[in-house]
Protein backbone atom coordinates (compact mmCIF):
# COMPACT_ATOMS: atom_id res chain seq x y z
CA MET A 1 0.00 0.00 0.00
CA ARG A 2 1.28 3.42 -0.93
CA THR A 3 0.21 6.78 0.51
CA THR A 4 0.74 10.17 -1.10
CA MET A 5 -0.51 13.71 -0.50
CA ALA A 6 -2.42 15.74 -3.08
CA ARG A 7 -4.02 19.15 -3.21
CA LEU A 8 -7.60 19.70 -4.34
CA ARG A 9 -7.93 21.88 -7.43
CA ARG A 10 -10.84 24.10 -8.35
CA ILE A 11 -12.83 22.97 -11.38
CA GLY A 12 -15.77 25.37 -11.63
CA ASN A 13 -17.83 24.90 -8.46
CA SER A 14 -16.34 21.43 -7.94
CA ARG A 15 -12.92 20.15 -6.86
CA GLY A 16 -10.59 17.68 -8.51
CA ILE A 17 -7.43 15.71 -7.80
CA LEU A 18 -4.65 14.94 -10.28
CA PHE A 19 -3.27 11.46 -9.74
CA PRO A 20 0.34 10.60 -10.57
CA LYS A 21 0.65 8.18 -13.50
CA SER A 22 2.43 5.61 -11.31
CA ILE A 23 -0.50 5.44 -8.86
CA LEU A 24 -3.02 5.00 -11.68
CA GLU A 25 -0.91 2.23 -13.23
CA GLU A 26 -0.49 0.46 -9.88
CA SER A 27 -4.25 0.61 -9.19
CA GLY A 28 -5.29 -0.44 -12.69
CA ILE A 29 -7.51 2.63 -13.06
CA THR A 30 -7.80 3.78 -16.66
CA ASP A 31 -10.84 5.99 -17.18
CA SER A 32 -13.77 5.11 -14.89
CA VAL A 33 -13.78 5.03 -11.10
CA LYS A 34 -16.15 3.99 -8.34
CA ILE A 35 -16.35 6.55 -5.52
CA THR A 36 -17.55 5.49 -2.07
CA VAL A 37 -17.89 7.72 1.00
CA LYS A 38 -18.07 6.07 4.42
CA ASN A 39 -17.37 7.62 7.83
CA LYS A 40 -15.91 10.76 6.21
CA VAL A 41 -13.46 8.68 4.15
CA ILE A 42 -13.50 8.87 0.34
CA MET A 43 -12.50 5.61 -1.35
CA ILE A 44 -11.72 5.56 -5.06
CA SER A 45 -11.42 2.24 -6.88
CA LYS A 46 -11.48 0.89 -10.41
CA ALA A 47 -15.02 0.80 -11.78
CA GLU A 48 -16.38 -2.53 -12.92
CA GLY A 49 -18.03 -2.16 -16.31
CA LYS A 50 -18.76 1.10 -18.09
CA PRO A 51 -20.62 4.06 -16.61
CA LYS A 52 -24.13 4.58 -17.97
CA LYS A 53 -24.14 7.42 -20.47
CA THR A 54 -27.63 7.47 -21.99
CA TRP A 55 -31.22 6.89 -20.93
CA ALA A 56 -31.17 3.74 -23.06
CA ASP A 57 -28.39 2.37 -20.82
CA PHE A 58 -30.58 2.94 -17.75
CA LYS A 59 -33.61 1.42 -19.47
CA THR A 60 -31.78 -1.87 -20.09
CA SER A 61 -30.17 -2.06 -16.65
CA LYS A 62 -31.75 -4.73 -14.42
CA LYS A 63 -30.79 -2.97 -11.20
CA GLU A 64 -32.47 0.28 -12.16
CA LYS A 65 -35.59 -1.53 -13.40
CA ALA A 66 -35.97 -3.16 -9.98
CA ASP A 67 -35.88 0.29 -8.35
CA PHE A 68 -38.98 1.52 -10.19
CA VAL A 69 -42.44 0.98 -8.74
CA SER A 70 -44.95 -0.24 -11.30
CA ASN A 71 -48.36 1.40 -11.17
CA LYS A 72 -51.53 1.79 -13.25
CA PHE A 73 -50.13 4.82 -15.09
CA ASP A 74 -47.13 2.78 -16.28
CA LYS A 75 -49.37 0.12 -17.82
CA THR A 76 -52.04 2.30 -19.44
CA ASP A 77 -50.59 5.74 -20.17
CA TRP A 78 -46.93 5.14 -20.96
CA THR A 79 -45.21 3.31 -23.81
CA TRP A 80 -41.57 2.21 -23.81
CA GLU A 81 -40.10 1.93 -27.26
């Protein structure tokens, strides 16, 4: 395990961190990350799969479908294409 210090940089109203190339190579992170916050600790790890970019991606995702509550409106007044 390696520890390093970094300074947050302003990016509009947000903040960002630049990671040294060696840390990214060691972690296997290429372009997508999973960010978890627990007990005031931010954990960044390599994302499994690709991030969803379009509504079509969400429509086909099983996890997101399970989150929706089906009701009468969904069956009679709405059509998914």
